[in-house]
Protein backbone atom coordinates (compact mmCIF):
# COMPACT_ATOMS: atom_id res chain seq x y z
CA MET A 1 100.16 113.88 49.00
CA ALA A 2 99.29 113.29 45.91
CA ASP A 3 97.41 116.39 45.60
CA GLU A 4 100.12 118.54 47.28
CA GLN A 5 102.56 120.83 45.58
CA LEU A 6 105.92 121.95 46.30
CA ARG A 7 106.42 125.94 44.76
CA ILE A 8 109.33 128.09 45.76
CA GLU A 9 108.30 131.51 46.69
CA ASP A 10 110.27 134.70 46.38
CA GLU A 11 107.93 136.92 47.94
CA PRO A 12 105.58 134.73 50.22
CA SER A 13 102.55 136.34 51.53
CA PRO A 14 102.84 138.08 55.18
CA THR A 15 100.13 135.54 56.20
CA ASP A 16 101.55 132.31 54.85
CA VAL A 17 104.51 133.11 57.11
CA ALA A 18 102.48 134.21 59.77
CA ALA A 19 101.09 130.43 59.56
CA LEU A 20 104.51 128.88 59.11
CA ASN A 21 105.61 130.57 62.67
CA ASP A 22 102.80 129.75 64.12
CA SER A 23 102.51 126.23 63.47
CA LEU A 24 106.00 125.80 64.63
CA TYR A 25 105.55 127.83 67.74
CA ARG A 26 102.62 125.54 68.61
CA HIS A 27 104.02 122.42 68.16
CA ASN A 28 107.26 123.79 70.16
CA ALA A 29 105.05 124.84 73.15
CA ALA A 30 103.33 121.32 73.15
CA ILE A 31 106.38 119.29 72.91
CA THR A 32 108.82 121.47 75.84
CA GLY A 33 105.76 122.76 77.93
CA HIS A 34 106.94 126.22 77.09
CA ASP A 35 104.01 128.40 76.37
CA ASP A 36 105.91 131.89 77.01
CA GLY A 37 107.18 133.43 73.64
CA SER A 38 107.48 136.80 72.97
CA TRP A 39 108.13 139.57 70.56
CA LEU A 40 111.41 141.73 71.45
CA ALA A 41 112.19 145.27 70.18
CA ILE A 42 114.72 147.94 71.52
CA PHE A 43 115.10 151.18 69.93
CA VAL A 44 117.22 153.84 70.41
CA ARG A 45 116.32 157.06 69.33
CA ASP A 46 117.99 160.74 69.03
CA HIS A 47 116.63 163.62 69.79
CA ALA A 48 114.22 164.02 66.75
CA ARG A 49 113.01 160.20 67.58
CA ALA A 50 114.51 159.16 64.69
CA ILE A 51 115.88 155.84 65.34
CA VAL A 52 119.58 155.68 65.18
CA ALA A 53 120.12 151.61 66.78
CA GLY A 54 117.79 148.76 67.42
CA LEU A 55 117.14 145.30 67.63
CA HIS A 56 114.17 143.09 66.88
CA GLY A 57 113.68 139.23 67.77
CA TRP A 58 111.81 136.98 70.13
CA THR A 59 112.29 135.35 73.82
CA TRP A 60 110.99 131.68 74.50
CA GLY A 61 111.55 129.08 77.16
CA GLY A 62 114.42 131.21 78.98
CA THR A 63 116.27 132.20 75.96
CA CYS A 64 116.59 135.17 73.55
CA PHE A 65 117.11 135.23 69.89
CA VAL A 66 117.92 138.64 67.85
CA GLN A 67 117.06 138.28 64.68
CA THR A 68 117.82 142.03 63.38
CA ARG A 69 120.38 144.33 64.93
CA TRP A 70 120.88 147.65 63.15
CA GLN A 71 122.96 150.55 64.39
CA ALA A 72 124.37 153.92 63.13
CA GLY A 73 128.35 154.46 63.06
CA THR A 74 128.09 157.12 66.26
CA ASP A 75 129.87 156.08 69.42
CA ALA A 76 126.64 156.37 71.58
CA THR A 77 124.75 153.51 69.41
CA ARG A 78 128.10 151.14 69.95
CA ILE A 79 128.43 151.32 73.64
CA PHE A 80 124.58 150.51 74.17
CA PHE A 81 125.12 147.64 71.89
CA ARG A 82 128.29 147.00 74.06
CA LYS A 83 126.24 147.31 77.48
CA THR A 84 123.08 145.55 76.27
CA LEU A 85 124.84 142.62 74.69
CA GLY A 86 128.29 142.14 76.12
């Protein structure tokens, strides 16, 4: 442990963050036997194909986690989220 350094980073590289996520996923898969993780994204687009609502997250082991959710202030996007997320 003497050669290891603790560094706090406010702009970590995407490669380093991906390495952490991959290590955690492989550890959890080995412990639980669940190796079915998948990214999840749902987008609502208007007639010009601009995103007016959406969510991003993942599924794993029969669960779902929503990391990011956004909607414009329209009734249509409110109804969409009410119907999909309850």
